[in-house]
Amino acid sequence: MVVVLDAFDFFAQHPRQALLYCLLDTGQNCRVGAGRNGLLVVGMTTKVNCVNLLEKRVKSRFSQRVLRVPSLTGLDDAVQFVKTILSPGPERLEPEEAMHEWNQIWTDNVCSDKPW
């Protein structure tokens, strides 16, 4: 499951940040594997210093992965960018046979050109 939080800085400015804490804690504890689904939380913002707004307990569950991208010119560019980011590259594929089937299903559903 992918949870996208647009305007992530507004969530970070909330005094208690309970939603962020619960989401990131759940995402940290979900392990992907055969027969098990994972959770990906994506926070999007235009603020460069948004991570500094996070409470210590929330920041400890944040993976510290920040990807800065230039403004995208349209929906087609945005869709292509997301497909590229979410596509498993050869270096990211697990060698296990069980993961091969999962990677194929992921690629067919996320990276295909079929309409949503």
PDB file of N, CA and C in Angstrom:
ATOM      1  N   MET A   1       0.846  -1.157   0.000  1.00  0.00           N
ATOM      2  CA  MET A   1       0.000   0.000   0.000  1.00  0.00           C
ATOM      3  C   MET A   1       0.902   1.234   0.000  1.00  0.00           C
ATOM      4  N   VAL A   2       0.515   2.209  -0.786  1.00  0.00           N
ATOM      5  CA  VAL A   2       1.247   3.464  -0.859  1.00  0.00           C
ATOM      6  C   VAL A   2       0.336   4.576  -0.340  1.00  0.00           C
ATOM      7  N   VAL A   3       0.802   5.299   0.676  1.00  0.00           N
ATOM      8  CA  VAL A   3       0.069   6.434   1.230  1.00  0.00           C
ATOM      9  C   VAL A   3       0.834   7.689   0.840  1.00  0.00           C
ATOM     10  N   VAL A   4       0.178   8.588   0.113  1.00  0.00           N
ATOM     11  CA  VAL A   4       0.808   9.833  -0.322  1.00  0.00           C
ATOM     12  C   VAL A   4       0.189  10.983   0.459  1.00  0.00           C
ATOM     13  N   LEU A   5       1.046  11.724   1.155  1.00  0.00           N
ATOM     14  CA  LEU A   5       0.598  12.897   1.900  1.00  0.00           C
ATOM     15  C   LEU A   5       1.079  14.146   1.177  1.00  0.00           C
ATOM     16  N   ASP A   6       0.160  14.803   0.490  1.00  0.00           N
ATOM     17  CA  ASP A   6       0.493  16.054  -0.180  1.00  0.00           C
ATOM     18  C   ASP A   6       0.499  17.154   0.877  1.00  0.00           C
ATOM     19  N   ALA A   7       1.292  18.187   0.663  1.00  0.00           N
ATOM     20  CA  ALA A   7       1.452  19.274   1.632  1.00  0.00           C
ATOM     21  C   ALA A   7       1.900  18.707   2.984  1.00  0.00           C
ATOM     22  N   PHE A   8       2.915  17.891   2.937  1.00  0.00           N
ATOM     23  CA  PHE A   8       3.451  17.213   4.118  1.00  0.00           C
ATOM     24  C   PHE A   8       3.822  18.206   5.219  1.00  0.00           C
ATOM     25  N   ASP A   9       4.230  19.407   4.842  1.00  0.00           N
ATOM     26  CA  ASP A   9       4.630  20.405   5.838  1.00  0.00           C
ATOM     27  C   ASP A   9       3.474  20.790   6.760  1.00  0.00           C
ATOM     28  N   PHE A  10       2.237  20.742   6.270  1.00  0.00           N
ATOM     29  CA  PHE A  10       1.092  21.040   7.128  1.00  0.00           C
ATOM     30  C   PHE A  10       0.921  19.966   8.197  1.00  0.00           C
ATOM     31  N   PHE A  11       1.176  18.701   7.845  1.00  0.00           N
ATOM     32  CA  PHE A  11       1.116  17.630   8.830  1.00  0.00           C
ATOM     33  C   PHE A  11       2.240  17.797   9.851  1.00  0.00           C
ATOM     34  N   ALA A  12       3.411  18.236   9.377  1.00  0.00           N
ATOM     35  CA  ALA A  12       4.560  18.415  10.265  1.00  0.00           C
ATOM     36  C   ALA A  12       4.375  19.602  11.204  1.00  0.00           C
ATOM     37  N   GLN A  13       3.556  20.564  10.843  1.00  0.00           N
ATOM     38  CA  GLN A  13       3.327  21.726  11.695  1.00  0.00           C
ATOM     39  C   GLN A  13       2.269  21.470  12.766  1.00  0.00           C
ATOM     40  N   HIS A  14       1.570  20.348  12.658  1.00  0.00           N
ATOM     41  CA  HIS A  14       0.556  20.016  13.660  1.00  0.00           C
ATOM     42  C   HIS A  14       1.254  19.769  14.997  1.00  0.00           C
ATOM     43  N   PRO A  15       0.697  20.261  16.106  1.00  0.00           N
ATOM     44  CA  PRO A  15       1.396  20.182  17.390  1.00  0.00           C
ATOM     45  C   PRO A  15       1.762  18.772  17.850  1.00  0.00           C
ATOM     46  N   ARG A  16       0.900  17.785  17.638  1.00  0.00           N
ATOM     47  CA  ARG A  16       1.176  16.455  18.182  1.00  0.00           C
ATOM     48  C   ARG A  16       1.728  15.466  17.150  1.00  0.00           C
ATOM     49  N   GLN A  17       1.486  15.685  15.887  1.00  0.00           N
ATOM     50  CA  GLN A  17       1.992  14.851  14.794  1.00  0.00           C
ATOM     51  C   GLN A  17       1.653  13.368  14.975  1.00  0.00           C
ATOM     52  N   ALA A  18       0.483  13.097  15.555  1.00  0.00           N
ATOM     53  CA  ALA A  18       0.078  11.718  15.834  1.00  0.00           C
ATOM     54  C   ALA A  18      -0.114  10.912  14.548  1.00  0.00           C
ATOM     55  N   LEU A  19      -0.714  11.526  13.521  1.00  0.00           N
ATOM     56  CA  LEU A  19      -0.923  10.816  12.258  1.00  0.00           C
ATOM     57  C   LEU A  19       0.408  10.407  11.648  1.00  0.00           C
ATOM     58  N   LEU A  20       1.353  11.327  11.602  1.00  0.00           N
ATOM     59  CA  LEU A  20       2.670  11.012  11.043  1.00  0.00           C
ATOM     60  C   LEU A  20       3.356   9.922  11.849  1.00  0.00           C
ATOM     61  N   TYR A  21       3.286  10.025  13.164  1.00  0.00           N
ATOM     62  CA  TYR A  21       3.921   9.025  14.018  1.00  0.00           C
ATOM     63  C   TYR A  21       3.349   7.639  13.748  1.00  0.00           C
ATOM     64  N   CYS A  22       2.025   7.539  13.720  1.00  0.00           N
ATOM     65  CA  CYS A  22       1.380   6.230  13.502  1.00  0.00           C
ATOM     66  C   CYS A  22       1.687   5.670  12.121  1.00  0.00           C
ATOM     67  N   LEU A  23       1.599   6.512  11.096  1.00  0.00           N
ATOM     68  CA  LEU A  23       1.882   6.051   9.736  1.00  0.00           C
ATOM     69  C   LEU A  23       3.332   5.583   9.586  1.00  0.00           C
ATOM     70  N   LEU A  24       4.267   6.396  10.057  1.00  0.00           N
ATOM     71  CA  LEU A  24       5.675   6.044   9.911  1.00  0.00           C
ATOM     72  C   LEU A  24       6.050   4.848  10.782  1.00  0.00           C
ATOM     73  N   ASP A  25       5.454   4.739  11.960  1.00  0.00           N
ATOM     74  CA  ASP A  25       5.707   3.597  12.824  1.00  0.00           C
ATOM     75  C   ASP A  25       5.190   2.315  12.176  1.00  0.00           C
ATOM     76  N   THR A  26       3.997   2.393  11.597  1.00  0.00           N
ATOM     77  CA  THR A  26       3.434   1.225  10.901  1.00  0.00           C
ATOM     78  C   THR A  26       4.283   0.865   9.692  1.00  0.00           C
ATOM     79  N   GLY A  27       4.690   1.868   8.924  1.00  0.00           N
ATOM     80  CA  GLY A  27       5.542   1.620   7.761  1.00  0.00           C
ATOM     81  C   GLY A  27       6.871   1.001   8.135  1.00  0.00           C
ATOM     82  N   GLN A  28       7.420   1.428   9.270  1.00  0.00           N
ATOM     83  CA  GLN A  28       8.698   0.889   9.726  1.00  0.00           C
ATOM     84  C   GLN A  28       8.561  -0.574  10.160  1.00  0.00           C
ATOM     85  N   ASN A  29       7.408  -0.930  10.711  1.00  0.00           N
ATOM     86  CA  ASN A  29       7.213  -2.279  11.230  1.00  0.00           C
ATOM     87  C   ASN A  29       6.648  -3.259  10.206  1.00  0.00           C
ATOM     88  N   CYS A  30       6.169  -2.773   9.070  1.00  0.00           N
ATOM     89  CA  CYS A  30       5.660  -3.660   8.020  1.00  0.00           C
ATOM     90  C   CYS A  30       6.832  -4.211   7.225  1.00  0.00           C
ATOM     91  N   ARG A  31       6.943  -5.487   7.162  1.00  0.00           N
ATOM     92  CA  ARG A  31       7.999  -6.129   6.390  1.00  0.00           C
ATOM     93  C   ARG A  31       7.376  -6.803   5.177  1.00  0.00           C
ATOM     94  N   VAL A  32       7.924  -6.503   4.023  1.00  0.00           N
ATOM     95  CA  VAL A  32       7.419  -7.085   2.784  1.00  0.00           C
ATOM     96  C   VAL A  32       8.047  -8.452   2.603  1.00  0.00           C
ATOM     97  N   GLY A  33       7.254  -9.388   2.180  1.00  0.00           N
ATOM     98  CA  GLY A  33       7.751 -10.725   1.913  1.00  0.00           C
ATOM     99  C   GLY A  33       6.653 -11.556   1.281  1.00  0.00           C
ATOM    100  N   ALA A  34       6.949 -12.808   1.111  1.00  0.00           N
ATOM    101  CA  ALA A  34       5.972 -13.701   0.501  1.00  0.00           C
ATOM    102  C   ALA A  34       4.711 -13.743   1.363  1.00  0.00           C
ATOM    103  N   GLY A  35       3.585 -13.370   0.777  1.00  0.00           N
ATOM    104  CA  GLY A  35       2.316 -13.393   1.485  1.00  0.00           C
ATOM    105  C   GLY A  35       2.106 -12.217   2.425  1.00  0.00           C
ATOM    106  N   ARG A  36       3.025 -11.259   2.436  1.00  0.00           N
ATOM    107  CA  ARG A  36       2.904 -10.106   3.335  1.00  0.00           C
ATOM    108  C   ARG A  36       3.001  -8.819   2.526  1.00  0.00           C
ATOM    109  N   ASN A  37       2.101  -7.905   2.788  1.00  0.00           N
ATOM    110  CA  ASN A  37       2.090  -6.623   2.090  1.00  0.00           C
ATOM    111  C   ASN A  37       2.884  -5.599   2.874  1.00  0.00           C
ATOM    112  N   GLY A  38       3.438  -4.635   2.180  1.00  0.00           N
ATOM    113  CA  GLY A  38       4.189  -3.574   2.832  1.00  0.00           C
ATOM    114  C   GLY A  38       3.432  -2.269   2.803  1.00  0.00           C
ATOM    115  N   LEU A  39       4.025  -1.265   3.414  1.00  0.00           N
ATOM    116  CA  LEU A  39       3.437   0.062   3.462  1.00  0.00           C
ATOM    117  C   LEU A  39       4.516   1.073   3.139  1.00  0.00           C
ATOM    118  N   LEU A  40       4.214   1.960   2.201  1.00  0.00           N
ATOM    119  CA  LEU A  40       5.111   3.027   1.816  1.00  0.00           C
ATOM    120  C   LEU A  40       4.398   4.342   2.071  1.00  0.00           C
ATOM    121  N   VAL A  41       5.026   5.221   2.846  1.00  0.00           N
ATOM    122  CA  VAL A  41       4.466   6.537   3.127  1.00  0.00           C
ATOM    123  C   VAL A  41       5.321   7.556   2.376  1.00  0.00           C
ATOM    124  N   VAL A  42       4.680   8.329   1.506  1.00  0.00           N
ATOM    125  CA  VAL A  42       5.370   9.346   0.722  1.00  0.00           C
ATOM    126  C   VAL A  42       4.815  10.698   1.133  1.00  0.00           C
ATOM    127  N   GLY A  43       5.691  11.562   1.600  1.00  0.00           N
ATOM    128  CA  GLY A  43       5.296  12.920   1.955  1.00  0.00           C
ATOM    129  C   GLY A  43       5.799  13.880   0.893  1.00  0.00           C
ATOM    130  N   MET A  44       4.919  14.701   0.365  1.00  0.00           N
ATOM    131  CA  MET A  44       5.305  15.655  -0.682  1.00  0.00           C
ATOM    132  C   MET A  44       5.100  17.074  -0.161  1.00  0.00           C
ATOM    133  N   THR A  45       6.093  17.921  -0.400  1.00  0.00           N
ATOM    134  CA  THR A  45       6.011  19.302   0.033  1.00  0.00           C
ATOM    135  C   THR A  45       6.920  20.170  -0.824  1.00  0.00           C
ATOM    136  N   THR A  46       6.665  21.451  -0.791  1.00  0.00           N
ATOM    137  CA  THR A  46       7.543  22.392  -1.475  1.00  0.00           C
ATOM    138  C   THR A  46       8.537  23.016  -0.503  1.00  0.00           C
ATOM    139  N   LYS A  47       8.425  22.705   0.776  1.00  0.00           N
ATOM    140  CA  LYS A  47       9.307  23.253   1.803  1.00  0.00           C
ATOM    141  C   LYS A  47      10.587  22.424   1.891  1.00  0.00           C
ATOM    142  N   VAL A  48      11.716  23.096   1.828  1.00  0.00           N
ATOM    143  CA  VAL A  48      13.004  22.400   1.864  1.00  0.00           C
ATOM    144  C   VAL A  48      13.335  21.902   3.264  1.00  0.00           C
ATOM    145  N   ASN A  49      12.932  22.639   4.287  1.00  0.00           N
ATOM    146  CA  ASN A  49      13.309  22.306   5.666  1.00  0.00           C
ATOM    147  C   ASN A  49      12.224  21.550   6.420  1.00  0.00           C
ATOM    148  N   CYS A  50      11.367  20.863   5.749  1.00  0.00           N
ATOM    149  CA  CYS A  50      10.224  20.196   6.363  1.00  0.00           C
ATOM    150  C   CYS A  50      10.647  19.147   7.395  1.00  0.00           C
ATOM    151  N   VAL A  51      11.724  18.459   7.148  1.00  0.00           N
ATOM    152  CA  VAL A  51      12.182  17.415   8.073  1.00  0.00           C
ATOM    153  C   VAL A  51      12.527  18.023   9.426  1.00  0.00           C
ATOM    154  N   ASN A  52      13.007  19.256   9.439  1.00  0.00           N
ATOM    155  CA  ASN A  52      13.351  19.920  10.700  1.00  0.00           C
ATOM    156  C   ASN A  52      12.130  20.198  11.569  1.00  0.00           C
ATOM    157  N   LEU A  53      10.948  20.177  10.970  1.00  0.00           N
ATOM    158  CA  LEU A  53       9.719  20.444  11.715  1.00  0.00           C
ATOM    159  C   LEU A  53       9.203  19.210  12.458  1.00  0.00           C
ATOM    160  N   LEU A  54       9.769  18.047  12.174  1.00  0.00           N
ATOM    161  CA  LEU A  54       9.285  16.809  12.783  1.00  0.00           C
ATOM    162  C   LEU A  54       9.734  16.683  14.230  1.00  0.00           C
ATOM    163  N   GLU A  55       8.854  16.146  15.067  1.00  0.00           N
ATOM    164  CA  GLU A  55       9.208  15.851  16.450  1.00  0.00           C
ATOM    165  C   GLU A  55      10.263  14.750  16.473  1.00  0.00           C
ATOM    166  N   LYS A  56      10.958  14.655  17.583  1.00  0.00           N
ATOM    167  CA  LYS A  56      12.025  13.660  17.713  1.00  0.00           C
ATOM    168  C   LYS A  56      11.490  12.236  17.527  1.00  0.00           C
ATOM    169  N   ARG A  57      10.336  11.932  18.120  1.00  0.00           N
ATOM    170  CA  ARG A  57       9.777  10.572  18.023  1.00  0.00           C
ATOM    171  C   ARG A  57       9.338  10.255  16.594  1.00  0.00           C
ATOM    172  N   VAL A  58       8.884  11.276  15.856  1.00  0.00           N
ATOM    173  CA  VAL A  58       8.476  11.079  14.468  1.00  0.00           C
ATOM    174  C   VAL A  58       9.715  10.957  13.583  1.00  0.00           C
ATOM    175  N   LYS A  59      10.683  11.821  13.827  1.00  0.00           N
ATOM    176  CA  LYS A  59      11.911  11.812  13.035  1.00  0.00           C
ATOM    177  C   LYS A  59      12.660  10.486  13.175  1.00  0.00           C
ATOM    178  N   SER A  60      12.554   9.846  14.334  1.00  0.00           N
ATOM    179  CA  SER A  60      13.242   8.567  14.535  1.00  0.00           C
ATOM    180  C   SER A  60      12.630   7.456  13.682  1.00  0.00           C
ATOM    181  N   ARG A  61      11.389   7.628  13.246  1.00  0.00           N
ATOM    182  CA  ARG A  61      10.736   6.643  12.385  1.00  0.00           C
ATOM    183  C   ARG A  61      10.830   7.004  10.911  1.00  0.00           C
ATOM    184  N   PHE A  62      11.345   8.170  10.645  1.00  0.00           N
ATOM    185  CA  PHE A  62      11.527   8.646   9.282  1.00  0.00           C
ATOM    186  C   PHE A  62      12.820   8.057   8.739  1.00  0.00           C
ATOM    187  N   SER A  63      12.797   7.529   7.529  1.00  0.00           N
ATOM    188  CA  SER A  63      13.969   6.842   6.981  1.00  0.00           C
ATOM    189  C   SER A  63      15.062   7.792   6.509  1.00  0.00           C
ATOM    190  N   GLN A  64      14.807   9.095   6.573  1.00  0.00           N
ATOM    191  CA  GLN A  64      15.775  10.115   6.156  1.00  0.00           C
ATOM    192  C   GLN A  64      16.036  10.107   4.658  1.00  0.00           C
ATOM    193  N   ARG A  65      15.179   9.487   3.889  1.00  0.00           N
ATOM    194  CA  ARG A  65      15.311   9.501   2.439  1.00  0.00           C
ATOM    195  C   ARG A  65      14.546  10.692   1.893  1.00  0.00           C
ATOM    196  N   VAL A  66      15.264  11.648   1.368  1.00  0.00           N
ATOM    197  CA  VAL A  66      14.654  12.847   0.808  1.00  0.00           C
ATOM    198  C   VAL A  66      15.051  12.910  -0.652  1.00  0.00           C
ATOM    199  N   LEU A  67      14.070  13.068  -1.499  1.00  0.00           N
ATOM    200  CA  LEU A  67      14.306  13.173  -2.935  1.00  0.00           C
ATOM    201  C   LEU A  67      13.801  14.532  -3.388  1.00  0.00           C
ATOM    202  N   ARG A  68      14.702  15.342  -3.882  1.00  0.00           N
ATOM    203  CA  ARG A  68      14.317  16.670  -4.373  1.00  0.00           C
ATOM    204  C   ARG A  68      14.232  16.616  -5.887  1.00  0.00           C
ATOM    205  N   VAL A  69      13.106  17.075  -6.409  1.00  0.00           N
ATOM    206  CA  VAL A  69      12.900  17.056  -7.854  1.00  0.00           C
ATOM    207  C   VAL A  69      12.461  18.442  -8.321  1.00  0.00           C
ATOM    208  N   PRO A  70      12.801  18.788  -9.547  1.00  0.00           N
ATOM    209  CA  PRO A  70      12.332  20.068 -10.082  1.00  0.00           C
ATOM    210  C   PRO A  70      10.838  20.005 -10.356  1.00  0.00           C
ATOM    211  N   SER A  71      10.249  21.148 -10.564  1.00  0.00           N
ATOM    212  CA  SER A  71       8.819  21.192 -10.888  1.00  0.00           C
ATOM    213  C   SER A  71       8.555  20.409 -12.165  1.00  0.00           C
ATOM    214  N   LEU A  72       7.507  19.622 -12.141  1.00  0.00           N
ATOM    215  CA  LEU A  72       7.109  18.851 -13.312  1.00  0.00           C
ATOM    216  C   LEU A  72       6.132  19.687 -14.124  1.00  0.00           C
ATOM    217  N   THR A  73       6.246  19.607 -15.432  1.00  0.00           N
ATOM    218  CA  THR A  73       5.474  20.501 -16.297  1.00  0.00           C
ATOM    219  C   THR A  73       4.031  20.065 -16.527  1.00  0.00           C
ATOM    220  N   GLY A  74       3.722  18.829 -16.276  1.00  0.00           N
ATOM    221  CA  GLY A  74       2.357  18.382 -16.521  1.00  0.00           C
ATOM    222  C   GLY A  74       2.104  17.011 -15.918  1.00  0.00           C
ATOM    223  N   LEU A  75       0.878  16.549 -16.061  1.00  0.00           N
ATOM    224  CA  LEU A  75       0.482  15.270 -15.497  1.00  0.00           C
ATOM    225  C   LEU A  75       1.267  14.118 -16.112  1.00  0.00           C
ATOM    226  N   ASP A  76       1.496  14.151 -17.418  1.00  0.00           N
ATOM    227  CA  ASP A  76       2.241  13.071 -18.073  1.00  0.00           C
ATOM    228  C   ASP A  76       3.655  12.961 -17.508  1.00  0.00           C
ATOM    229  N   ASP A  77       4.305  14.115 -17.290  1.00  0.00           N
ATOM    230  CA  ASP A  77       5.641  14.102 -16.693  1.00  0.00           C
ATOM    231  C   ASP A  77       5.607  13.544 -15.279  1.00  0.00           C
ATOM    232  N   ALA A  78       4.591  13.927 -14.516  1.00  0.00           N
ATOM    233  CA  ALA A  78       4.467  13.453 -13.143  1.00  0.00           C
ATOM    234  C   ALA A  78       4.248  11.945 -13.106  1.00  0.00           C
ATOM    235  N   VAL A  79       3.381  11.439 -13.959  1.00  0.00           N
ATOM    236  CA  VAL A  79       3.111   9.998 -14.005  1.00  0.00           C
ATOM    237  C   VAL A  79       4.374   9.233 -14.402  1.00  0.00           C
ATOM    238  N   GLN A  80       5.090   9.718 -15.398  1.00  0.00           N
ATOM    239  CA  GLN A  80       6.324   9.059 -15.825  1.00  0.00           C
ATOM    240  C   GLN A  80       7.371   9.075 -14.712  1.00  0.00           C
ATOM    241  N   PHE A  81       7.481  10.186 -14.004  1.00  0.00           N
ATOM    242  CA  PHE A  81       8.429  10.293 -12.897  1.00  0.00           C
ATOM    243  C   PHE A  81       8.102   9.285 -11.798  1.00  0.00           C
ATOM    244  N   VAL A  82       6.823   9.210 -11.417  1.00  0.00           N
ATOM    245  CA  VAL A  82       6.413   8.282 -10.362  1.00  0.00           C
ATOM    246  C   VAL A  82       6.658   6.844 -10.793  1.00  0.00           C
ATOM    247  N   LYS A  83       6.362   6.513 -12.037  1.00  0.00           N
ATOM    248  CA  LYS A  83       6.615   5.154 -12.530  1.00  0.00           C
ATOM    249  C   LYS A  83       8.103   4.824 -12.456  1.00  0.00           C
ATOM    250  N   THR A  84       8.945   5.789 -12.816  1.00  0.00           N
ATOM    251  CA  THR A  84      10.389   5.565 -12.773  1.00  0.00           C
ATOM    252  C   THR A  84      10.857   5.331 -11.345  1.00  0.00           C
ATOM    253  N   ILE A  85      10.382   6.145 -10.427  1.00  0.00           N
ATOM    254  CA  ILE A  85      10.799   6.017  -9.027  1.00  0.00           C
ATOM    255  C   ILE A  85      10.309   4.705  -8.418  1.00  0.00           C
ATOM    256  N   LEU A  86       9.094   4.305  -8.747  1.00  0.00           N
ATOM    257  CA  LEU A  86       8.520   3.096  -8.146  1.00  0.00           C
ATOM    258  C   LEU A  86       8.900   1.813  -8.866  1.00  0.00           C
ATOM    259  N   SER A  87       9.574   1.911 -10.008  1.00  0.00           N
ATOM    260  CA  SER A  87       9.962   0.714 -10.753  1.00  0.00           C
ATOM    261  C   SER A  87      11.166   0.053 -10.104  1.00  0.00           C
ATOM    262  N   PRO A  88      11.113  -1.260  -9.926  1.00  0.00           N
ATOM    263  CA  PRO A  88      12.287  -1.947  -9.385  1.00  0.00           C
ATOM    264  C   PRO A  88      13.358  -2.059 -10.459  1.00  0.00           C
ATOM    265  N   GLY A  89      14.496  -1.470 -10.214  1.00  0.00           N
ATOM    266  CA  GLY A  89      15.622  -1.580 -11.137  1.00  0.00           C
ATOM    267  C   GLY A  89      16.336  -2.904 -10.926  1.00  0.00           C
ATOM    268  N   PRO A  90      17.236  -3.290 -11.826  1.00  0.00           N
ATOM    269  CA  PRO A  90      17.938  -4.565 -11.693  1.00  0.00           C
ATOM    270  C   PRO A  90      18.700  -4.680 -10.377  1.00  0.00           C
ATOM    271  N   GLU A  91      19.234  -3.561  -9.869  1.00  0.00           N
ATOM    272  CA  GLU A  91      19.990  -3.630  -8.625  1.00  0.00           C
ATOM    273  C   GLU A  91      19.090  -3.755  -7.403  1.00  0.00           C
ATOM    274  N   ARG A  92      17.786  -3.486  -7.567  1.00  0.00           N
ATOM    275  CA  ARG A  92      16.862  -3.557  -6.446  1.00  0.00           C
ATOM    276  C   ARG A  92      16.114  -4.880  -6.375  1.00  0.00           C
ATOM    277  N   LEU A  93      16.211  -5.696  -7.393  1.00  0.00           N
ATOM    278  CA  LEU A  93      15.473  -6.948  -7.406  1.00  0.00           C
ATOM    279  C   LEU A  93      16.129  -7.962  -6.484  1.00  0.00           C
ATOM    280  N   GLU A  94      15.313  -8.624  -5.695  1.00  0.00           N
ATOM    281  CA  GLU A  94      15.808  -9.672  -4.807  1.00  0.00           C
ATOM    282  C   GLU A  94      16.078 -10.930  -5.623  1.00  0.00           C
ATOM    283  N   PRO A  95      17.140 -11.645  -5.304  1.00  0.00           N
ATOM    284  CA  PRO A  95      17.457 -12.854  -6.069  1.00  0.00           C
ATOM    285  C   PRO A  95      16.524 -14.027  -5.774  1.00  0.00           C
ATOM    286  N   GLU A  96      15.787 -13.951  -4.684  1.00  0.00           N
ATOM    287  CA  GLU A  96      14.921 -15.064  -4.306  1.00  0.00           C
ATOM    288  C   GLU A  96      13.817 -15.277  -5.341  1.00  0.00           C
ATOM    289  N   GLU A  97      13.476 -16.512  -5.551  1.00  0.00           N
ATOM    290  CA  GLU A  97      12.427 -16.862  -6.512  1.00  0.00           C
ATOM    291  C   GLU A  97      11.078 -16.311  -6.063  1.00  0.00           C
ATOM    292  N   ALA A  98      10.809 -16.289  -4.766  1.00  0.00           N
ATOM    293  CA  ALA A  98       9.534 -15.782  -4.260  1.00  0.00           C
ATOM    294  C   ALA A  98       9.359 -14.304  -4.596  1.00  0.00           C
ATOM    295  N   MET A  99      10.430 -13.540  -4.599  1.00  0.00           N
ATOM    296  CA  MET A  99      10.341 -12.121  -4.897  1.00  0.00           C
ATOM    297  C   MET A  99      10.175 -11.869  -6.390  1.00  0.00           C
ATOM    298  N   HIS A 100      10.570 -12.817  -7.225  1.00  0.00           N
ATOM    299  CA  HIS A 100      10.444 -12.640  -8.675  1.00  0.00           C
ATOM    300  C   HIS A 100       8.983 -12.435  -9.065  1.00  0.00           C
ATOM    301  N   GLU A 101       8.103 -13.258  -8.504  1.00  0.00           N
ATOM    302  CA  GLU A 101       6.681 -13.141  -8.824  1.00  0.00           C
ATOM    303  C   GLU A 101       6.142 -11.793  -8.348  1.00  0.00           C
ATOM    304  N   TRP A 102       6.518 -11.371  -7.137  1.00  0.00           N
ATOM    305  CA  TRP A 102       6.069 -10.089  -6.602  1.00  0.00           C
ATOM    306  C   TRP A 102       6.564  -8.947  -7.474  1.00  0.00           C
ATOM    307  N   ASN A 103       7.813  -8.985  -7.892  1.00  0.00           N
ATOM    308  CA  ASN A 103       8.367  -7.936  -8.742  1.00  0.00           C
ATOM    309  C   ASN A 103       7.651  -7.868 -10.080  1.00  0.00           C
ATOM    310  N   GLN A 104       7.267  -9.007 -10.619  1.00  0.00           N
ATOM    311  CA  GLN A 104       6.555  -9.025 -11.897  1.00  0.00           C
ATOM    312  C   GLN A 104       5.164  -8.427 -11.749  1.00  0.00           C
ATOM    313  N   ILE A 105       4.469  -8.772 -10.673  1.00  0.00           N
ATOM    314  CA  ILE A 105       3.141  -8.212 -10.425  1.00  0.00           C
ATOM    315  C   ILE A 105       3.245  -6.704 -10.225  1.00  0.00           C
ATOM    316  N   TRP A 106       4.241  -6.268  -9.451  1.00  0.00           N
ATOM    317  CA  TRP A 106       4.450  -4.834  -9.210  1.00  0.00           C
ATOM    318  C   TRP A 106       4.706  -4.103 -10.529  1.00  0.00           C
ATOM    319  N   THR A 107       5.603  -4.625 -11.337  1.00  0.00           N
ATOM    320  CA  THR A 107       5.944  -3.993 -12.603  1.00  0.00           C
ATOM    321  C   THR A 107       4.733  -3.941 -13.531  1.00  0.00           C
ATOM    322  N   ASP A 108       3.971  -5.023 -13.603  1.00  0.00           N
ATOM    323  CA  ASP A 108       2.789  -5.050 -14.468  1.00  0.00           C
ATOM    324  C   ASP A 108       1.745  -4.022 -14.050  1.00  0.00           C
ATOM    325  N   ASN A 109       1.590  -3.807 -12.746  1.00  0.00           N
ATOM    326  CA  ASN A 109       0.539  -2.916 -12.267  1.00  0.00           C
ATOM    327  C   ASN A 109       0.973  -1.467 -12.109  1.00  0.00           C
ATOM    328  N   VAL A 110       2.213  -1.231 -11.755  1.00  0.00           N
ATOM    329  CA  VAL A 110       2.674   0.133 -11.504  1.00  0.00           C
ATOM    330  C   VAL A 110       3.334   0.739 -12.725  1.00  0.00           C
ATOM    331  N   CYS A 111       4.106  -0.051 -13.436  1.00  0.00           N
ATOM    332  CA  CYS A 111       4.960   0.493 -14.495  1.00  0.00           C
ATOM    333  C   CYS A 111       4.378   0.336 -15.890  1.00  0.00           C
ATOM    334  N   SER A 112       3.216  -0.258 -15.993  1.00  0.00           N
ATOM    335  CA  SER A 112       2.649  -0.444 -17.334  1.00  0.00           C
ATOM    336  C   SER A 112       2.065   0.866 -17.841  1.00  0.00           C
ATOM    337  N   ASP A 113       1.752   0.908 -19.105  1.00  0.00           N
ATOM    338  CA  ASP A 113       1.173   2.099 -19.725  1.00  0.00           C
ATOM    339  C   ASP A 113      -0.345   2.044 -19.766  1.00  0.00           C
ATOM    340  N   LYS A 114      -0.937   1.051 -19.101  1.00  0.00           N
ATOM    341  CA  LYS A 114      -2.398   0.961 -19.119  1.00  0.00           C
ATOM    342  C   LYS A 114      -2.971   2.079 -18.245  1.00  0.00           C
ATOM    343  N   PRO A 115      -4.140   2.588 -18.602  1.00  0.00           N
ATOM    344  CA  PRO A 115      -4.736   3.690 -17.826  1.00  0.00           C
ATOM    345  C   PRO A 115      -5.153   3.202 -16.438  1.00  0.00           C
ATOM    346  N   TRP A 116      -5.169   4.122 -15.510  1.00  0.00           N
ATOM    347  CA  TRP A 116      -5.557   3.778 -14.132  1.00  0.00           C
ATOM    348  C   TRP A 116      -7.018   3.579 -14.096  1.00  0.00           C
TER     349      TRP A 116
END
